[in-house]
Amino acid sequence: ATLVHATVNVARCISGRHFFESIIVAVTNALKAWNGSNDGEVSSQRCETLAQLAASLGVIFDEPQLKDGLTHFILVLDGMDKQRDPPPTLMPALARLCETIPCLTCVFIVTTPPAGFLRACPTSYLYFPPYTKSELIQILSLEPPPSISRETSTEKEIHEATTDSELANLWTRFCAAVHDSLAQSAGRSLPSFKNSCYTLWPRFVAPIIAGTYSPQQFSKLLIAARPFFQDEAFLNPKIVSPQTTGSEMSFDKSRQPATRGFTFTASVSTTLISQPLTGLTGLLPTTARVLLLSAYLASHNAVRHDISLFSTSYNGRKRRRPGNNTNRANNRNKQRKISRKLLGAHAFVLERLLAIFEAVRTEWIDSTPIISGPDGDIGMALATLASLRLLIRIGTGDIMDRSGKWRINVGWEVMRGIGRGIGVNIEEWLVE
């Protein structure tokens, strides 16, 4: 027997009354088509409340010809979360219609069900548990990678290429190692775990292709590829360009005695920097660091000094005021003042921060030796600093409002270290 059903597109219903009347019309038309008495569509009945809807559906399903032959009727409500201004009791009441009409079953199709969707514990649902380790390995064993052949020229060594059984055994043990090391962080689902395995597999079998190890030496292969299993940076695509100096991570005889001189190069995302950076200097991208230094200057320098610090003279050079100039200090007032960097940070508007950033960006970034490409945009850098509470917004409003006020939340010692990390002496840009 065919399954009798009716479908209502909830997103097309303008009001609650339109929704209730659409349900009655759809149910009536479906029942008439099932009985074979399809003599045109039924005119809509007036229905404004949930009580009237339940009463009307009860009258429809209580007809004698339906009680004898109809056992199940499915009412599909497509897009229940897209209804306009629904009352809070609508979906729980529709879910409990089956209690008054035994042959009726309501199916809700939603995109993002909220918490407490039906406000009822015994709601029917389908739970798809995550795959276990054995299940993941079994699924990936159905699609093994292509066979491995060594880079040899003699006929004898060509016949010693990896067989299918050795490849299947090596692939299974490799998937188990990837699951143990990266499954909790970078391979929780089947697609991510599959991507992790296929991404690390060429690096794992590189010693076999080079002829350094055989497929049976799994422990030595695992030790040689240890850096790839300890860091999921190989599996994380980034929009920030890597900072490289041309020195790449390699393993030679001095570091790996068992590799027989086998050298391999890691991907660009794990290249090493000649001068290791720590703290905020190493974690923040260059754009965020320059933006943070600009915010420090905006907080500790008065507005009247911006023209003399950041303007360009006729000969095209930047006019910077040195921090310790005794001759200039003697010409001023002899009264001793507290240094502004020892005082609290003052608030500044975002427009001034962006102006200072634009003025110093070319000079500071061009003099930095570790930059090899552009970083993220200014908006993302500003959002990163705000999320880390390095920059604090004062008041309410949009984060990109140029008239909004901000205040830096970083001390002098940290800012001096950040400036030195990119080759900038921040003391030369502060007015005492």
Protein backbone atom coordinates (compact mmCIF):
# COMPACT_ATOMS: atom_id res chain seq x y z
CA ALA A 1 0.00 0.00 0.00
CA THR A 2 1.19 3.50 -0.77
CA LEU A 3 1.95 5.91 2.01
CA VAL A 4 -0.61 8.68 2.18
CA HIS A 5 1.00 12.02 2.86
CA ALA A 6 0.56 15.76 2.46
CA THR A 7 3.28 18.42 2.27
CA VAL A 8 2.95 22.07 3.31
CA ASN A 9 5.62 24.65 2.53
CA VAL A 10 5.59 26.72 5.71
CA ALA A 11 7.80 29.47 4.28
CA ARG A 12 5.06 30.42 1.81
CA CYS A 13 2.45 30.95 4.52
CA ILE A 14 2.07 34.62 5.31
CA SER A 15 0.23 34.38 8.63
CA GLY A 16 -0.87 31.80 11.16
CA ARG A 17 -4.36 31.60 9.68
CA HIS A 18 -2.90 31.02 6.23
CA PHE A 19 -0.74 28.23 7.68
CA PHE A 20 -3.65 26.44 9.40
CA GLU A 21 -5.90 26.68 6.36
CA SER A 22 -3.10 25.38 4.12
CA ILE A 23 -2.78 22.31 6.36
CA ILE A 24 -6.50 21.57 6.13
CA VAL A 25 -6.56 21.99 2.34
CA ALA A 26 -3.45 19.82 1.84
CA VAL A 27 -4.80 17.04 4.08
CA THR A 28 -8.21 17.07 2.40
CA ASN A 29 -6.75 16.95 -1.12
CA ALA A 30 -4.41 14.08 -0.19
CA LEU A 31 -7.26 12.04 1.31
CA LYS A 32 -9.48 12.64 -1.72
CA ALA A 33 -6.71 11.54 -4.04
CA TRP A 34 -6.25 8.39 -1.96
CA ASN A 35 -10.00 7.60 -2.07
CA GLY A 36 -10.16 8.16 -5.80
CA SER A 37 -12.77 10.89 -5.48
CA ASN A 38 -10.56 13.65 -6.81
CA ASP A 39 -13.19 16.05 -8.07
CA GLY A 40 -11.23 19.28 -7.83
CA GLU A 41 -9.48 21.09 -5.01
CA VAL A 42 -11.31 21.85 -1.80
CA SER A 43 -12.12 25.41 -0.89
CA SER A 44 -10.26 26.68 2.16
CA GLN A 45 -12.05 26.59 5.51
CA ARG A 46 -11.80 29.31 8.08
CA CYS A 47 -9.30 28.31 10.77
CA GLU A 48 -7.55 30.82 13.01
CA THR A 49 -6.40 28.94 16.13
CA LEU A 50 -4.73 25.67 17.04
CA ALA A 51 -7.94 24.48 18.69
CA GLN A 52 -9.87 24.97 15.46
CA LEU A 53 -7.12 23.16 13.53
CA ALA A 54 -7.24 20.15 15.88
CA ALA A 55 -11.05 20.05 15.71
CA SER A 56 -11.11 20.28 11.90
CA LEU A 57 -8.50 17.54 11.48
CA GLY A 58 -10.40 15.37 13.95
CA VAL A 59 -13.58 15.74 11.92
CA ILE A 60 -11.76 14.89 8.68
CA PHE A 61 -10.13 11.71 10.02
CA ASP A 62 -13.29 10.55 11.83
CA GLU A 63 -15.14 9.85 8.61
CA PRO A 64 -16.23 6.18 8.39
CA GLN A 65 -14.57 5.46 5.02
CA LEU A 66 -11.23 6.65 6.39
CA LYS A 67 -11.35 4.70 9.66
CA ASP A 68 -11.63 1.36 7.89
CA GLY A 69 -8.84 1.66 5.30
CA LEU A 70 -6.49 4.41 6.47
CA THR A 71 -3.84 3.34 8.97
CA HIS A 72 -1.13 5.97 8.58
CA PHE A 73 -1.13 9.52 7.31
CA ILE A 74 2.05 11.62 7.16
CA LEU A 75 1.84 15.41 7.40
CA VAL A 76 5.14 16.94 6.26
CA LEU A 77 5.74 20.55 7.30
CA ASP A 78 8.70 21.84 5.31
CA GLY A 79 10.64 24.76 6.81
CA MET A 80 9.02 24.98 10.24
CA ASP A 81 11.76 27.29 11.49
CA LYS A 82 11.04 29.77 8.68
CA GLN A 83 7.50 30.64 9.69
CA ARG A 84 6.76 34.30 10.26
CA ASP A 85 6.07 35.24 13.90
CA PRO A 86 5.06 31.80 15.19
CA PRO A 87 3.55 31.53 18.68
CA PRO A 88 5.67 29.66 21.24
CA THR A 89 3.10 26.86 21.56
CA LEU A 90 2.75 26.14 17.83
CA MET A 91 5.35 23.43 17.30
CA PRO A 92 4.70 21.60 20.60
CA ALA A 93 0.97 21.54 19.80
CA LEU A 94 1.53 20.22 16.28
CA ALA A 95 3.87 17.55 17.65
CA ARG A 96 1.12 16.35 20.00
CA LEU A 97 -1.61 16.10 17.35
CA CYS A 98 -0.82 12.39 17.07
CA GLU A 99 -2.13 11.95 20.63
CA THR A 100 -5.63 12.98 19.55
CA ILE A 101 -5.46 11.57 16.00
CA PRO A 102 -3.83 8.10 16.15
CA CYS A 103 -3.25 7.67 12.41
CA LEU A 104 -1.55 11.07 12.00
CA THR A 105 2.21 11.60 12.08
CA CYS A 106 3.76 15.06 11.80
CA VAL A 107 7.22 15.41 10.26
CA PHE A 108 9.06 18.71 10.73
CA ILE A 109 11.79 19.69 8.28
CA VAL A 110 14.03 22.35 9.82
CA THR A 111 17.46 23.76 9.05
CA THR A 112 18.73 24.64 12.53
CA PRO A 113 16.54 23.26 15.33
CA PRO A 114 16.92 25.39 18.47
CA ALA A 115 17.30 24.05 22.00
CA GLY A 116 14.01 22.91 23.51
CA PHE A 117 12.52 22.60 20.03
CA LEU A 118 9.43 20.62 20.96
CA ARG A 119 9.70 20.93 24.76
CA ALA A 120 9.05 17.22 25.09
CA CYS A 121 11.53 14.52 26.12
CA PRO A 122 10.16 11.49 24.22
CA THR A 123 10.49 13.13 20.79
CA SER A 124 11.50 10.67 18.08
CA TYR A 125 14.87 11.37 16.49
CA LEU A 126 17.69 9.61 14.71
CA TYR A 127 21.13 9.66 16.31
CA PHE A 128 24.18 8.98 14.18
CA PRO A 129 27.04 8.09 16.54
CA PRO A 130 30.59 8.97 15.51
CA TYR A 131 32.74 6.31 13.95
CA THR A 132 35.03 4.36 16.20
CA LYS A 133 38.71 3.83 15.50
CA SER A 134 38.21 0.37 14.00
CA GLU A 135 35.36 1.60 11.81
CA LEU A 136 37.38 4.52 10.48
CA ILE A 137 40.32 2.28 9.66
CA GLN A 138 38.02 -0.25 7.98
CA ILE A 139 36.44 2.45 5.81
CA LEU A 140 39.79 3.88 4.74
CA SER A 141 41.17 0.40 4.03
CA LEU A 142 38.61 0.10 1.24
CA GLU A 143 40.36 2.93 -0.65
CA PRO A 144 44.11 2.40 -0.20
CA PRO A 145 46.59 4.80 -1.82
CA PRO A 146 48.44 3.82 -5.02
CA SER A 147 51.33 1.41 -4.79
CA ILE A 148 54.80 2.62 -3.78
CA SER A 149 57.82 2.10 -6.02
CA ARG A 150 61.36 3.02 -5.12
CA GLU A 151 63.44 5.37 -7.21
CA THR A 152 65.83 2.66 -8.45
CA SER A 153 67.25 1.70 -11.78
CA THR A 154 68.31 -1.94 -11.38
CA GLU A 155 65.92 -4.68 -12.37
CA LYS A 156 66.42 -6.54 -9.11
CA GLU A 157 65.28 -3.63 -6.96
CA ILE A 158 62.32 -2.95 -9.23
CA HIS A 159 60.97 -6.41 -8.43
CA GLU A 160 61.31 -5.58 -4.74
CA ALA A 161 58.65 -2.88 -4.97
CA THR A 162 55.96 -2.80 -2.35
CA THR A 163 53.29 -5.45 -2.85
CA ASP A 164 49.59 -4.92 -2.31
CA SER A 165 49.55 -6.83 0.98
CA GLU A 166 52.48 -4.84 2.37
CA LEU A 167 50.86 -1.60 1.27
CA ALA A 168 47.54 -2.56 2.86
CA ASN A 169 49.26 -3.48 6.13
CA LEU A 170 51.32 -0.27 6.13
CA TRP A 171 48.25 1.85 5.29
CA THR A 172 46.24 0.29 8.13
CA ARG A 173 48.98 0.88 10.71
CA PHE A 174 49.51 4.41 9.40
CA CYS A 175 45.79 5.23 9.76
CA ALA A 176 45.86 3.91 13.32
CA ALA A 177 48.85 6.14 14.13
CA VAL A 178 47.11 9.19 12.63
CA HIS A 179 43.99 8.44 14.66
CA ASP A 180 45.95 8.14 17.90
CA SER A 181 47.85 11.39 17.38
CA LEU A 182 45.49 13.73 15.51
CA ALA A 183 41.95 12.33 15.73
CA GLN A 184 40.96 14.34 18.79
CA SER A 185 42.11 17.67 17.31
CA ALA A 186 42.05 17.47 13.52
CA GLY A 187 40.16 14.30 12.56
CA ARG A 188 36.96 14.01 14.55
CA SER A 189 34.78 13.29 11.50
CA LEU A 190 35.26 10.88 8.63
CA PRO A 191 36.02 13.57 5.99
CA SER A 192 38.56 15.34 8.21
CA PHE A 193 40.21 12.06 9.21
CA LYS A 194 40.38 10.97 5.58
CA ASN A 195 41.88 14.30 4.60
CA SER A 196 44.47 14.01 7.38
CA CYS A 197 45.55 10.56 6.27
CA TYR A 198 45.83 11.41 2.58
CA THR A 199 47.69 14.64 3.38
CA LEU A 200 50.32 13.01 5.60
CA TRP A 201 50.73 9.82 3.58
CA PRO A 202 53.19 11.22 0.94
CA ARG A 203 55.41 12.61 3.70
CA PHE A 204 55.23 9.34 5.62
CA VAL A 205 56.30 7.15 2.67
CA ALA A 206 58.99 9.55 1.44
CA PRO A 207 61.81 7.44 3.02
CA ILE A 208 60.43 4.35 1.23
CA ILE A 209 60.45 6.11 -2.13
CA ALA A 210 63.99 7.35 -1.48
CA GLY A 211 65.13 3.83 -0.59
CA THR A 212 66.06 4.63 2.99
CA TYR A 213 63.59 2.29 4.69
CA SER A 214 61.42 -0.64 3.71
CA PRO A 215 57.66 -0.91 4.35
CA GLN A 216 58.32 -3.44 7.11
CA GLN A 217 60.25 -0.88 9.19
CA PHE A 218 57.17 0.91 10.48
CA SER A 219 58.76 2.08 13.74
CA LYS A 220 61.63 3.83 11.94
CA LEU A 221 59.19 5.39 9.49
CA LEU A 222 57.12 6.65 12.39
CA ILE A 223 60.16 8.16 14.10
CA ALA A 224 61.27 9.87 10.89
CA ALA A 225 57.80 11.38 10.42
CA ARG A 226 57.35 12.32 14.08
CA PRO A 227 57.10 16.11 13.44
CA PHE A 228 54.10 15.57 11.17
CA PHE A 229 52.20 13.70 13.88
CA GLN A 230 52.99 16.20 16.62
CA ASP A 231 51.68 19.32 14.91
CA GLU A 232 48.39 19.71 13.05
CA ALA A 233 49.65 22.87 11.32
CA PHE A 234 50.14 20.78 8.18
CA LEU A 235 46.38 20.21 8.07
CA ASN A 236 45.25 23.77 8.86
CA PRO A 237 44.93 26.08 5.86
CA LYS A 238 45.64 29.70 6.80
CA ILE A 239 44.79 33.01 5.16
CA VAL A 240 47.87 34.63 6.74
CA SER A 241 50.97 34.22 4.65
CA PRO A 242 53.84 32.36 6.33
CA GLN A 243 56.88 34.27 7.51
CA THR A 244 59.95 32.69 6.00
CA THR A 245 63.57 33.60 5.55
CA GLY A 246 64.50 30.88 3.10
CA SER A 247 65.69 28.49 5.82
CA GLU A 248 63.49 25.40 5.74
CA MET A 249 63.14 22.57 8.19
CA SER A 250 65.24 19.60 7.16
CA PHE A 251 66.60 16.48 8.78
CA ASP A 252 70.20 15.51 8.08
CA LYS A 253 72.71 13.06 9.50
CA SER A 254 73.49 15.15 12.54
CA ARG A 255 69.87 15.16 13.74
CA GLN A 256 68.66 11.79 12.40
CA PRO A 257 71.47 9.23 12.41
CA ALA A 258 69.19 6.44 11.20
CA THR A 259 68.10 8.21 8.03
CA ARG A 260 71.43 7.62 6.19
CA GLY A 261 71.62 11.16 4.98
CA PHE A 262 68.00 11.25 3.83
CA THR A 263 66.83 14.87 3.75
CA PHE A 264 63.29 16.06 3.22
CA THR A 265 61.76 19.49 3.34
CA ALA A 266 58.60 20.38 5.22
CA SER A 267 55.79 22.45 3.79
CA VAL A 268 55.92 26.24 3.73
CA SER A 269 53.61 26.58 6.69
CA THR A 270 56.22 25.13 9.08
CA THR A 271 59.29 26.99 7.92
CA LEU A 272 61.47 28.31 10.65
CA ILE A 273 62.36 31.91 11.39
CA SER A 274 65.99 32.80 11.83
CA GLN A 275 65.31 34.66 15.07
CA PRO A 276 62.79 32.84 17.27
CA LEU A 277 60.06 35.09 18.63
CA THR A 278 58.22 34.58 21.88
CA GLY A 279 55.03 35.83 23.47
CA LEU A 280 52.89 38.30 21.58
CA THR A 281 55.71 39.06 19.14
CA GLY A 282 55.62 35.51 17.83
CA LEU A 283 51.88 34.89 18.00
CA LEU A 284 50.53 38.04 16.35
CA PRO A 285 50.93 38.65 12.60
CA THR A 286 52.88 41.68 11.46
CA THR A 287 49.81 43.74 10.59
CA ALA A 288 48.38 43.24 14.08
CA ARG A 289 51.71 44.15 15.69
CA VAL A 290 52.05 47.36 13.67
CA LEU A 291 48.44 48.20 14.46
CA LEU A 292 49.10 47.62 18.17
CA LEU A 293 52.17 49.87 18.07
CA SER A 294 50.12 52.55 16.31
CA ALA A 295 47.49 52.27 19.03
CA TYR A 296 50.18 52.73 21.68
CA LEU A 297 51.39 55.91 19.97
CA ALA A 298 47.82 57.17 19.70
CA SER A 299 47.26 56.53 23.42
CA HIS A 300 50.47 58.12 24.73
CA ASN A 301 51.10 60.96 22.26
CA ALA A 302 49.02 64.10 22.19
CA VAL A 303 47.02 64.89 19.08
CA ARG A 304 48.98 68.11 18.47
CA HIS A 305 52.19 66.13 17.89
CA ASP A 306 50.80 63.94 15.08
CA ILE A 307 51.67 66.41 12.33
CA SER A 308 55.29 66.79 13.42
CA LEU A 309 55.73 63.04 13.88
CA PHE A 310 53.96 61.55 10.88
CA SER A 311 53.81 64.29 8.24
CA THR A 312 56.13 64.33 5.20
CA SER A 313 58.29 67.38 4.53
CA TYR A 314 59.08 68.82 1.13
CA ASN A 315 62.09 66.59 0.57
CA GLY A 316 59.96 63.48 1.11
CA ARG A 317 61.55 62.33 4.36
CA LYS A 318 59.71 61.41 7.52
CA ARG A 319 60.20 63.92 10.31
CA ARG A 320 60.67 61.87 13.43
CA ARG A 321 61.34 63.40 16.80
CA PRO A 322 64.09 61.58 18.69
CA GLY A 323 63.15 60.62 22.20
CA ASN A 324 66.22 61.91 24.04
CA ASN A 325 67.27 65.27 22.59
CA THR A 326 68.83 67.40 25.32
CA ASN A 327 69.23 70.52 23.20
CA ARG A 328 65.56 70.62 22.35
CA ALA A 329 64.61 69.90 25.92
CA ASN A 330 66.74 72.79 27.22
CA ASN A 331 64.97 75.25 24.95
CA ARG A 332 61.63 74.35 26.45
CA ASN A 333 60.23 75.06 29.82
CA LYS A 334 62.49 73.92 32.64
CA GLN A 335 59.59 72.44 34.58
CA ARG A 336 59.93 68.70 35.11
CA LYS A 337 57.01 66.61 33.89
CA ILE A 338 56.05 62.98 34.30
CA SER A 339 56.72 60.89 31.21
CA ARG A 340 53.54 60.06 29.29
CA LYS A 341 54.54 56.44 28.97
CA LEU A 342 54.41 56.15 32.78
CA LEU A 343 50.89 57.54 32.87
CA GLY A 344 47.74 55.64 32.01
CA ALA A 345 46.69 55.07 28.43
CA HIS A 346 44.37 57.71 26.99
CA ALA A 347 41.44 57.03 24.72
CA PHE A 348 41.70 57.70 20.99
CA VAL A 349 39.33 57.51 18.04
CA LEU A 350 39.64 54.78 15.45
CA GLU A 351 40.14 57.25 12.61
CA ARG A 352 43.31 58.59 14.25
CA LEU A 353 44.60 55.06 14.78
CA LEU A 354 44.12 54.18 11.11
CA ALA A 355 45.81 57.44 10.05
CA ILE A 356 48.87 56.68 12.20
CA PHE A 357 48.92 53.10 10.92
CA GLU A 358 48.86 54.29 7.31
CA ALA A 359 51.69 56.74 8.00
CA VAL A 360 54.06 54.29 9.68
CA ARG A 361 53.16 51.08 7.85
CA THR A 362 55.40 51.65 4.84
CA GLU A 363 58.43 52.60 6.88
CA TRP A 364 58.08 49.92 9.56
CA ILE A 365 57.07 46.96 7.43
CA ASP A 366 59.59 47.67 4.67
CA SER A 367 62.38 47.67 7.26
CA THR A 368 61.29 44.34 8.71
CA PRO A 369 63.44 41.47 7.40
CA ILE A 370 60.98 38.63 8.12
CA ILE A 371 58.11 39.68 5.90
CA SER A 372 57.60 37.72 2.67
CA GLY A 373 54.00 38.52 1.77
CA PRO A 374 50.90 40.43 2.83
CA ASP A 375 49.09 39.50 6.00
CA GLY A 376 45.36 39.69 6.76
CA ASP A 377 43.43 42.88 6.33
CA ILE A 378 43.19 45.62 8.92
CA GLY A 379 39.67 44.70 9.97
CA MET A 380 40.66 41.16 10.88
CA ALA A 381 43.74 42.39 12.76
CA LEU A 382 41.60 44.86 14.70
CA ALA A 383 39.07 42.14 15.54
CA THR A 384 41.90 39.87 16.70
CA LEU A 385 43.32 42.52 19.02
CA ALA A 386 39.85 43.27 20.39
CA SER A 387 39.11 39.58 21.04
CA LEU A 388 42.42 39.22 22.90
CA ARG A 389 41.58 42.31 24.99
CA LEU A 390 44.73 44.04 23.79
CA LEU A 391 42.54 46.86 22.49
CA ILE A 392 39.44 47.81 24.49
CA ARG A 393 36.53 49.62 22.92
CA ILE A 394 34.99 52.38 25.02
CA GLY A 395 31.23 52.65 24.70
CA THR A 396 28.84 50.87 22.39
CA GLY A 397 28.49 50.87 18.65
CA ASP A 398 29.93 49.12 15.64
CA ILE A 399 33.51 47.92 15.92
CA MET A 400 34.45 49.56 12.60
CA ASP A 401 32.89 52.94 13.42
CA ARG A 402 35.69 55.44 12.77
CA SER A 403 34.35 57.82 15.40
CA GLY A 404 34.39 55.15 18.12
CA LYS A 405 36.90 55.46 20.96
CA TRP A 406 39.45 52.81 21.91
CA ARG A 407 42.12 52.35 24.55
CA ILE A 408 45.18 50.14 24.53
CA ASN A 409 45.50 47.52 27.27
CA VAL A 410 49.22 46.68 26.96
CA GLY A 411 52.08 47.97 29.10
CA TRP A 412 55.34 49.63 28.12
CA GLU A 413 57.62 46.62 28.52
CA VAL A 414 55.49 44.44 26.27
CA MET A 415 55.21 47.14 23.62
CA ARG A 416 58.96 47.68 23.61
CA GLY A 417 59.48 43.97 23.02
CA ILE A 418 56.95 43.93 20.19
CA GLY A 419 58.64 46.92 18.57
CA ARG A 420 62.08 45.39 18.80
CA GLY A 421 60.70 42.17 17.31
CA ILE A 422 59.98 43.96 14.03
CA GLY A 423 62.98 46.28 14.17
CA VAL A 424 61.23 49.40 15.50
CA ASN A 425 62.46 51.47 18.44
CA ILE A 426 59.20 52.75 19.86
CA GLU A 427 61.02 55.27 22.09
CA GLU A 428 61.90 57.38 19.05
CA TRP A 429 58.21 57.89 18.31
CA LEU A 430 57.13 58.96 21.81
CA VAL A 431 57.02 62.63 22.77
CA GLU A 432 58.07 63.16 26.38
